[in-house]
Amino acid sequence: MQEHNIHILCTRPVDKALIEQAFLQNIQLDTISFIETEPIQTIEVQQEIELASVQMADIVFTSMNAVEAVTDMLDGVIPDWRIYCIGHKTKELIDAYFGSEAIAGIADNAAELAEEILLDESIDEIIFFCGNKKREELSQKLQENNIAVNEIIVYKTYSITHSIDKKYDAVIFFSPSAAESFFTNNSLPETAIIFAIGNTTQKTIQQFCKNKIIVSKYPEKQALVEQAIDYFTQLFN
């Protein structure tokens, strides 16, 4: 294959196998984190999770971070929950801890997940385990349809700003927060292609630039990175 020396910036860590996969296609995949997350391990949050754990409840997880924060606090207890979630990696974590029978619904984004929940007319309240920078679409849609949403913030997201001197052919973003952090100190050449994990991330990026944005076919980190690699591989084949 002709050498093209493509350089892609990934704004969160990825598996070494993906970096090697890119290298085999003569693509250099650099990883620099622009956000950091950490669970909230306060007595107040623990008490809220413990209170939820003794209820037969409808639960929502929209991120792996929330699942990990809650299961760490549950410490082996498996509540009687019906769980709705976004993303297959999040579903895998839920399967591993709660069992596949606990999953009542799964979707690729917040709007679709809200519609999935609304299909069950018996639901009048959900518990939404989330981060401090969650998007509002899910809660708003449910509340508009008379479903009470009890939001419990179980992790925090922090921005990590960097100034990037290297010129990249593409940048991969996995969240609106990472995009906001990146554009705090950086801009992109008009030729750079942007890959976004979903429509909400896409809309945030559009506030900062007019570059071409390709939205992930699936809301998964690995799928988006592979999509970026395939894009450039096919472009030069």
C-alpha atoms as a PDB file:
ATOM      1  CA  MET A   1       0.000   0.000   0.000  1.00  0.00           C
ATOM      2  CA  GLN A   2       1.174   3.496  -0.793  1.00  0.00           C
ATOM      3  CA  GLU A   3       2.294   5.422   2.279  1.00  0.00           C
ATOM      4  CA  HIS A   4       0.027   8.256   3.328  1.00  0.00           C
ATOM      5  CA  ASN A   5       1.129   8.874   6.911  1.00  0.00           C
ATOM      6  CA  ILE A   6      -2.277   9.682   8.371  1.00  0.00           C
ATOM      7  CA  HIS A   7      -2.298  11.098  11.896  1.00  0.00           C
ATOM      8  CA  ILE A   8      -5.403  10.745  14.065  1.00  0.00           C
ATOM      9  CA  LEU A   9      -5.913  12.169  17.558  1.00  0.00           C
ATOM     10  CA  CYS A  10      -8.118  10.105  19.856  1.00  0.00           C
ATOM     11  CA  THR A  11      -9.354  12.132  22.825  1.00  0.00           C
ATOM     12  CA  ARG A  12      -9.442   9.239  25.271  1.00  0.00           C
ATOM     13  CA  PRO A  13      -7.330   6.102  25.822  1.00  0.00           C
ATOM     14  CA  VAL A  14      -8.006   3.088  23.600  1.00  0.00           C
ATOM     15  CA  ASP A  15      -6.861  -0.516  23.565  1.00  0.00           C
ATOM     16  CA  LYS A  16      -3.340  -1.138  22.315  1.00  0.00           C
ATOM     17  CA  ALA A  17      -4.815  -3.484  19.704  1.00  0.00           C
ATOM     18  CA  LEU A  18      -6.576  -0.542  18.027  1.00  0.00           C
ATOM     19  CA  ILE A  19      -3.345   1.449  17.895  1.00  0.00           C
ATOM     20  CA  GLU A  20      -1.639  -1.542  16.283  1.00  0.00           C
ATOM     21  CA  GLN A  21      -4.536  -1.995  13.880  1.00  0.00           C
ATOM     22  CA  ALA A  22      -4.155   1.624  12.772  1.00  0.00           C
ATOM     23  CA  PHE A  23      -0.379   1.251  12.437  1.00  0.00           C
ATOM     24  CA  LEU A  24      -0.817  -1.651  10.028  1.00  0.00           C
ATOM     25  CA  GLN A  25      -2.744   0.738   7.790  1.00  0.00           C
ATOM     26  CA  ASN A  26       0.044   3.332   8.064  1.00  0.00           C
ATOM     27  CA  ILE A  27      -2.077   5.444  10.418  1.00  0.00           C
ATOM     28  CA  GLN A  28      -0.584   6.900  13.585  1.00  0.00           C
ATOM     29  CA  LEU A  29      -3.197   6.949  16.325  1.00  0.00           C
ATOM     30  CA  ASP A  30      -2.271   9.265  19.225  1.00  0.00           C
ATOM     31  CA  THR A  31      -4.304   9.280  22.438  1.00  0.00           C
ATOM     32  CA  ILE A  32      -4.627  12.291  24.726  1.00  0.00           C
ATOM     33  CA  SER A  33      -7.388  12.486  27.346  1.00  0.00           C
ATOM     34  CA  PHE A  34      -9.322  15.742  27.516  1.00  0.00           C
ATOM     35  CA  ILE A  35     -11.593  14.698  30.363  1.00  0.00           C
ATOM     36  CA  GLU A  36     -11.290  12.633  33.508  1.00  0.00           C
ATOM     37  CA  THR A  37     -14.048  10.935  35.464  1.00  0.00           C
ATOM     38  CA  GLU A  38     -14.165   9.777  39.061  1.00  0.00           C
ATOM     39  CA  PRO A  39     -16.913   8.197  41.172  1.00  0.00           C
ATOM     40  CA  ILE A  40     -18.532  10.214  43.940  1.00  0.00           C
ATOM     41  CA  GLN A  41     -17.892   8.172  47.060  1.00  0.00           C
ATOM     42  CA  THR A  42     -19.748  10.187  49.666  1.00  0.00           C
ATOM     43  CA  ILE A  43     -21.993   8.911  52.439  1.00  0.00           C
ATOM     44  CA  GLU A  44     -24.919  10.749  50.838  1.00  0.00           C
ATOM     45  CA  VAL A  45     -24.505   8.978  47.491  1.00  0.00           C
ATOM     46  CA  GLN A  46     -23.976   5.619  49.193  1.00  0.00           C
ATOM     47  CA  GLN A  47     -27.183   6.091  51.170  1.00  0.00           C
ATOM     48  CA  GLU A  48     -29.142   6.943  48.020  1.00  0.00           C
ATOM     49  CA  ILE A  49     -27.831   3.836  46.261  1.00  0.00           C
ATOM     50  CA  GLU A  50     -28.600   1.665  49.308  1.00  0.00           C
ATOM     51  CA  LEU A  51     -32.142   3.079  49.459  1.00  0.00           C
ATOM     52  CA  ALA A  52     -32.628   2.324  45.766  1.00  0.00           C
ATOM     53  CA  SER A  53     -31.225  -1.187  46.229  1.00  0.00           C
ATOM     54  CA  VAL A  54     -34.106  -2.268  48.484  1.00  0.00           C
ATOM     55  CA  GLN A  55     -36.743  -1.148  45.989  1.00  0.00           C
ATOM     56  CA  MET A  56     -38.209  -2.888  42.969  1.00  0.00           C
ATOM     57  CA  ALA A  57     -37.231  -0.045  40.667  1.00  0.00           C
ATOM     58  CA  ASP A  58     -36.839   0.962  37.034  1.00  0.00           C
ATOM     59  CA  ILE A  59     -33.240   2.105  36.568  1.00  0.00           C
ATOM     60  CA  VAL A  60     -31.453   4.019  33.817  1.00  0.00           C
ATOM     61  CA  PHE A  61     -27.733   3.922  33.029  1.00  0.00           C
ATOM     62  CA  THR A  62     -26.392   5.931  30.103  1.00  0.00           C
ATOM     63  CA  SER A  63     -22.676   5.316  30.684  1.00  0.00           C
ATOM     64  CA  MET A  64     -20.203   2.696  31.816  1.00  0.00           C
ATOM     65  CA  ASN A  65     -18.908   5.152  34.427  1.00  0.00           C
ATOM     66  CA  ALA A  66     -22.284   5.189  36.162  1.00  0.00           C
ATOM     67  CA  VAL A  67     -22.547   1.392  36.171  1.00  0.00           C
ATOM     68  CA  GLU A  68     -19.075   1.034  37.674  1.00  0.00           C
ATOM     69  CA  ALA A  69     -19.740   3.674  40.345  1.00  0.00           C
ATOM     70  CA  VAL A  70     -23.025   2.070  41.408  1.00  0.00           C
ATOM     71  CA  THR A  71     -21.845  -1.542  41.398  1.00  0.00           C
ATOM     72  CA  ASP A  72     -18.809  -0.615  43.478  1.00  0.00           C
ATOM     73  CA  MET A  73     -21.162   0.860  46.081  1.00  0.00           C
ATOM     74  CA  LEU A  74     -23.511  -2.150  45.945  1.00  0.00           C
ATOM     75  CA  ASP A  75     -20.571  -4.372  46.915  1.00  0.00           C
ATOM     76  CA  GLY A  76     -22.064  -7.650  45.727  1.00  0.00           C
ATOM     77  CA  VAL A  77     -25.720  -6.894  46.479  1.00  0.00           C
ATOM     78  CA  ILE A  78     -27.928  -7.536  43.450  1.00  0.00           C
ATOM     79  CA  PRO A  79     -31.161  -5.502  43.697  1.00  0.00           C
ATOM     80  CA  ASP A  80     -34.469  -6.329  42.040  1.00  0.00           C
ATOM     81  CA  TRP A  81     -34.132  -3.756  39.276  1.00  0.00           C
ATOM     82  CA  ARG A  82     -35.358  -3.484  35.722  1.00  0.00           C
ATOM     83  CA  ILE A  83     -32.584  -1.684  33.890  1.00  0.00           C
ATOM     84  CA  TYR A  84     -32.591   0.473  30.754  1.00  0.00           C
ATOM     85  CA  CYS A  85     -29.284   1.496  29.220  1.00  0.00           C
ATOM     86  CA  ILE A  86     -27.455   3.108  26.317  1.00  0.00           C
ATOM     87  CA  GLY A  87     -24.685   1.275  24.459  1.00  0.00           C
ATOM     88  CA  HIS A  88     -23.562  -2.316  24.187  1.00  0.00           C
ATOM     89  CA  LYS A  89     -20.469  -1.888  26.370  1.00  0.00           C
ATOM     90  CA  THR A  90     -22.663  -0.494  29.129  1.00  0.00           C
ATOM     91  CA  LYS A  91     -25.002  -3.450  28.601  1.00  0.00           C
ATOM     92  CA  GLU A  92     -22.046  -5.847  28.972  1.00  0.00           C
ATOM     93  CA  LEU A  93     -21.178  -4.366  32.379  1.00  0.00           C
ATOM     94  CA  ILE A  94     -24.808  -4.666  33.468  1.00  0.00           C
ATOM     95  CA  ASP A  95     -24.939  -8.271  32.229  1.00  0.00           C
ATOM     96  CA  ALA A  96     -21.808  -9.116  34.197  1.00  0.00           C
ATOM     97  CA  TYR A  97     -23.095  -7.760  37.507  1.00  0.00           C
ATOM     98  CA  PHE A  98     -26.906  -7.901  37.414  1.00  0.00           C
ATOM     99  CA  GLY A  99     -27.467 -10.644  34.838  1.00  0.00           C
ATOM    100  CA  SER A 100     -29.009 -10.306  31.389  1.00  0.00           C
ATOM    101  CA  GLU A 101     -32.508 -10.890  32.755  1.00  0.00           C
ATOM    102  CA  ALA A 102     -32.319  -7.525  34.539  1.00  0.00           C
ATOM    103  CA  ILE A 103     -32.121  -5.602  31.257  1.00  0.00           C
ATOM    104  CA  ALA A 104     -35.525  -4.282  30.216  1.00  0.00           C
ATOM    105  CA  GLY A 105     -34.373  -2.174  27.273  1.00  0.00           C
ATOM    106  CA  ILE A 106     -31.359  -0.853  25.381  1.00  0.00           C
ATOM    107  CA  ALA A 107     -30.929   1.939  22.832  1.00  0.00           C
ATOM    108  CA  ASP A 108     -28.216   3.819  20.960  1.00  0.00           C
ATOM    109  CA  ASN A 109     -29.079   7.291  22.291  1.00  0.00           C
ATOM    110  CA  ALA A 110     -31.121   9.152  24.893  1.00  0.00           C
ATOM    111  CA  ALA A 111     -34.100   9.903  22.642  1.00  0.00           C
ATOM    112  CA  GLU A 112     -34.451   6.260  21.613  1.00  0.00           C
ATOM    113  CA  LEU A 113     -34.055   5.079  25.206  1.00  0.00           C
ATOM    114  CA  ALA A 114     -36.818   7.435  26.358  1.00  0.00           C
ATOM    115  CA  GLU A 115     -39.128   5.981  23.687  1.00  0.00           C
ATOM    116  CA  GLU A 116     -38.221   2.474  24.846  1.00  0.00           C
ATOM    117  CA  ILE A 117     -39.157   3.357  28.445  1.00  0.00           C
ATOM    118  CA  LEU A 118     -42.407   5.000  27.360  1.00  0.00           C
ATOM    119  CA  LEU A 119     -43.521   1.746  25.723  1.00  0.00           C
ATOM    120  CA  ASP A 120     -44.098   0.358  29.229  1.00  0.00           C
ATOM    121  CA  GLU A 121     -47.180   2.195  30.489  1.00  0.00           C
ATOM    122  CA  SER A 122     -46.719   0.766  33.989  1.00  0.00           C
ATOM    123  CA  ILE A 123     -43.653   2.961  34.613  1.00  0.00           C
ATOM    124  CA  ASP A 124     -44.382   6.164  36.513  1.00  0.00           C
ATOM    125  CA  GLU A 125     -40.909   6.754  37.998  1.00  0.00           C
ATOM    126  CA  ILE A 126     -37.321   5.921  37.116  1.00  0.00           C
ATOM    127  CA  ILE A 127     -34.036   6.251  38.947  1.00  0.00           C
ATOM    128  CA  PHE A 128     -31.373   7.720  36.678  1.00  0.00           C
ATOM    129  CA  PHE A 129     -27.776   7.099  37.807  1.00  0.00           C
ATOM    130  CA  CYS A 130     -25.723   9.702  35.983  1.00  0.00           C
ATOM    131  CA  GLY A 131     -22.758  12.069  35.962  1.00  0.00           C
ATOM    132  CA  ASN A 132     -22.641  15.754  36.820  1.00  0.00           C
ATOM    133  CA  LYS A 133     -22.462  16.710  33.122  1.00  0.00           C
ATOM    134  CA  LYS A 134     -25.313  14.577  31.852  1.00  0.00           C
ATOM    135  CA  ARG A 135     -27.437  15.765  28.948  1.00  0.00           C
ATOM    136  CA  GLU A 136     -31.052  16.717  29.602  1.00  0.00           C
ATOM    137  CA  GLU A 137     -32.816  15.015  26.680  1.00  0.00           C
ATOM    138  CA  LEU A 138     -33.742  11.797  28.481  1.00  0.00           C
ATOM    139  CA  SER A 139     -35.083  13.370  31.665  1.00  0.00           C
ATOM    140  CA  GLN A 140     -37.014  16.051  29.762  1.00  0.00           C
ATOM    141  CA  LYS A 141     -38.689  13.535  27.471  1.00  0.00           C
ATOM    142  CA  LEU A 142     -39.762  11.318  30.364  1.00  0.00           C
ATOM    143  CA  GLN A 143     -40.989  14.208  32.499  1.00  0.00           C
ATOM    144  CA  GLU A 144     -43.000  15.560  29.574  1.00  0.00           C
ATOM    145  CA  ASN A 145     -44.766  12.201  29.585  1.00  0.00           C
ATOM    146  CA  ASN A 146     -45.491  12.261  33.323  1.00  0.00           C
ATOM    147  CA  ILE A 147     -42.710   9.949  34.422  1.00  0.00           C
ATOM    148  CA  ALA A 148     -40.891  11.172  37.527  1.00  0.00           C
ATOM    149  CA  VAL A 149     -37.102  11.117  37.193  1.00  0.00           C
ATOM    150  CA  ASN A 150     -34.987  10.691  40.320  1.00  0.00           C
ATOM    151  CA  GLU A 151     -31.487  11.705  39.207  1.00  0.00           C
ATOM    152  CA  ILE A 152     -28.653  10.427  41.389  1.00  0.00           C
ATOM    153  CA  ILE A 153     -25.253  11.823  40.400  1.00  0.00           C
ATOM    154  CA  VAL A 154     -22.699   9.072  41.010  1.00  0.00           C
ATOM    155  CA  TYR A 155     -19.625  10.369  39.145  1.00  0.00           C
ATOM    156  CA  LYS A 156     -18.012  13.643  38.135  1.00  0.00           C
ATOM    157  CA  THR A 157     -16.379  14.665  34.872  1.00  0.00           C
ATOM    158  CA  TYR A 158     -13.440  17.078  34.876  1.00  0.00           C
ATOM    159  CA  SER A 159     -11.915  18.888  31.903  1.00  0.00           C
ATOM    160  CA  ILE A 160      -8.228  18.407  31.160  1.00  0.00           C
ATOM    161  CA  THR A 161      -7.025  21.084  28.773  1.00  0.00           C
ATOM    162  CA  HIS A 162      -4.007  20.655  26.501  1.00  0.00           C
ATOM    163  CA  SER A 163      -2.484  22.805  23.789  1.00  0.00           C
ATOM    164  CA  ILE A 164      -1.836  20.662  20.722  1.00  0.00           C
ATOM    165  CA  ASP A 165       0.887  21.762  18.296  1.00  0.00           C
ATOM    166  CA  LYS A 166       0.748  18.756  15.966  1.00  0.00           C
ATOM    167  CA  LYS A 167      -1.476  18.958  12.882  1.00  0.00           C
ATOM    168  CA  TYR A 168      -3.905  16.055  12.680  1.00  0.00           C
ATOM    169  CA  ASP A 169      -5.828  14.649   9.737  1.00  0.00           C
ATOM    170  CA  ALA A 170      -8.652  13.625  12.048  1.00  0.00           C
ATOM    171  CA  VAL A 171      -9.809  13.904  15.656  1.00  0.00           C
ATOM    172  CA  ILE A 172     -12.102  11.470  17.468  1.00  0.00           C
ATOM    173  CA  PHE A 173     -14.472  12.741  20.175  1.00  0.00           C
ATOM    174  CA  PHE A 174     -16.454  10.535  22.547  1.00  0.00           C
ATOM    175  CA  SER A 175     -18.411  13.154  24.490  1.00  0.00           C
ATOM    176  CA  PRO A 176     -19.534  16.791  24.404  1.00  0.00           C
ATOM    177  CA  SER A 177     -17.342  17.457  27.458  1.00  0.00           C
ATOM    178  CA  ALA A 178     -14.206  16.279  25.649  1.00  0.00           C
ATOM    179  CA  ALA A 179     -15.053  18.455  22.652  1.00  0.00           C
ATOM    180  CA  GLU A 180     -15.534  21.515  24.851  1.00  0.00           C
ATOM    181  CA  SER A 181     -12.237  20.806  26.614  1.00  0.00           C
ATOM    182  CA  PHE A 182     -10.350  20.323  23.320  1.00  0.00           C
ATOM    183  CA  PHE A 183     -11.578  23.553  21.743  1.00  0.00           C
ATOM    184  CA  THR A 184     -10.715  25.583  24.848  1.00  0.00           C
ATOM    185  CA  ASN A 185      -7.093  25.819  23.674  1.00  0.00           C
ATOM    186  CA  ASN A 186      -7.159  24.350  20.173  1.00  0.00           C
ATOM    187  CA  SER A 187      -8.518  24.777  16.679  1.00  0.00           C
ATOM    188  CA  LEU A 188      -8.427  22.506  13.640  1.00  0.00           C
ATOM    189  CA  PRO A 189      -7.420  23.033  10.002  1.00  0.00           C
ATOM    190  CA  GLU A 190     -10.430  23.039   7.678  1.00  0.00           C
ATOM    191  CA  THR A 191      -9.221  19.794   6.097  1.00  0.00           C
ATOM    192  CA  ALA A 192      -9.338  17.806   9.347  1.00  0.00           C
ATOM    193  CA  ILE A 193     -12.101  15.197   9.603  1.00  0.00           C
ATOM    194  CA  ILE A 194     -13.929  14.849  12.912  1.00  0.00           C
ATOM    195  CA  PHE A 195     -15.457  11.613  14.193  1.00  0.00           C
ATOM    196  CA  ALA A 196     -18.159  11.943  16.871  1.00  0.00           C
ATOM    197  CA  ILE A 197     -19.691   9.278  19.114  1.00  0.00           C
ATOM    198  CA  GLY A 198     -23.244  10.600  18.647  1.00  0.00           C
ATOM    199  CA  ASN A 199     -25.518  13.444  17.607  1.00  0.00           C
ATOM    200  CA  THR A 200     -25.173  15.347  20.877  1.00  0.00           C
ATOM    201  CA  THR A 201     -21.385  15.343  20.576  1.00  0.00           C
ATOM    202  CA  GLN A 202     -21.754  16.387  16.937  1.00  0.00           C
ATOM    203  CA  LYS A 203     -23.911  19.381  17.882  1.00  0.00           C
ATOM    204  CA  THR A 204     -21.347  20.491  20.476  1.00  0.00           C
ATOM    205  CA  ILE A 205     -18.502  20.289  17.943  1.00  0.00           C
ATOM    206  CA  GLN A 206     -20.511  22.371  15.482  1.00  0.00           C
ATOM    207  CA  GLN A 207     -20.428  25.244  17.962  1.00  0.00           C
ATOM    208  CA  PHE A 208     -16.643  25.457  17.509  1.00  0.00           C
ATOM    209  CA  CYS A 209     -15.914  24.620  13.870  1.00  0.00           C
ATOM    210  CA  LYS A 210     -17.351  23.866  10.431  1.00  0.00           C
ATOM    211  CA  ASN A 211     -15.259  20.793   9.700  1.00  0.00           C
ATOM    212  CA  LYS A 212     -16.725  17.632   8.213  1.00  0.00           C
ATOM    213  CA  ILE A 213     -18.142  15.479  11.017  1.00  0.00           C
ATOM    214  CA  ILE A 214     -18.769  11.745  10.720  1.00  0.00           C
ATOM    215  CA  VAL A 215     -21.065  10.325  13.405  1.00  0.00           C
ATOM    216  CA  SER A 216     -20.459   6.821  14.719  1.00  0.00           C
ATOM    217  CA  LYS A 217     -22.651   4.050  13.333  1.00  0.00           C
ATOM    218  CA  TYR A 218     -22.750   2.623  16.878  1.00  0.00           C
ATOM    219  CA  PRO A 219     -22.325   4.486  20.207  1.00  0.00           C
ATOM    220  CA  GLU A 220     -19.194   2.548  21.167  1.00  0.00           C
ATOM    221  CA  LYS A 221     -15.580   3.663  21.556  1.00  0.00           C
ATOM    222  CA  GLN A 222     -14.021   0.778  19.648  1.00  0.00           C
ATOM    223  CA  ALA A 223     -16.571   0.990  16.826  1.00  0.00           C
ATOM    224  CA  LEU A 224     -15.884   4.696  16.330  1.00  0.00           C
ATOM    225  CA  VAL A 225     -12.103   4.244  16.241  1.00  0.00           C
ATOM    226  CA  GLU A 226     -12.453   1.378  13.776  1.00  0.00           C
ATOM    227  CA  GLN A 227     -14.750   3.547  11.656  1.00  0.00           C
ATOM    228  CA  ALA A 228     -12.067   6.254  11.517  1.00  0.00           C
ATOM    229  CA  ILE A 229      -9.395   3.706  10.538  1.00  0.00           C
ATOM    230  CA  ASP A 230     -11.653   2.224   7.852  1.00  0.00           C
ATOM    231  CA  TYR A 231     -12.446   5.687   6.489  1.00  0.00           C
ATOM    232  CA  PHE A 232      -8.808   6.450   5.694  1.00  0.00           C
ATOM    233  CA  THR A 233      -8.001   2.895   4.628  1.00  0.00           C
ATOM    234  CA  GLN A 234     -10.788   2.974   2.017  1.00  0.00           C
ATOM    235  CA  LEU A 235      -9.932   6.540   1.006  1.00  0.00           C
ATOM    236  CA  PHE A 236      -6.502   5.506  -0.228  1.00  0.00           C
ATOM    237  CA  ASN A 237      -7.332   2.051  -1.600  1.00  0.00           C
END
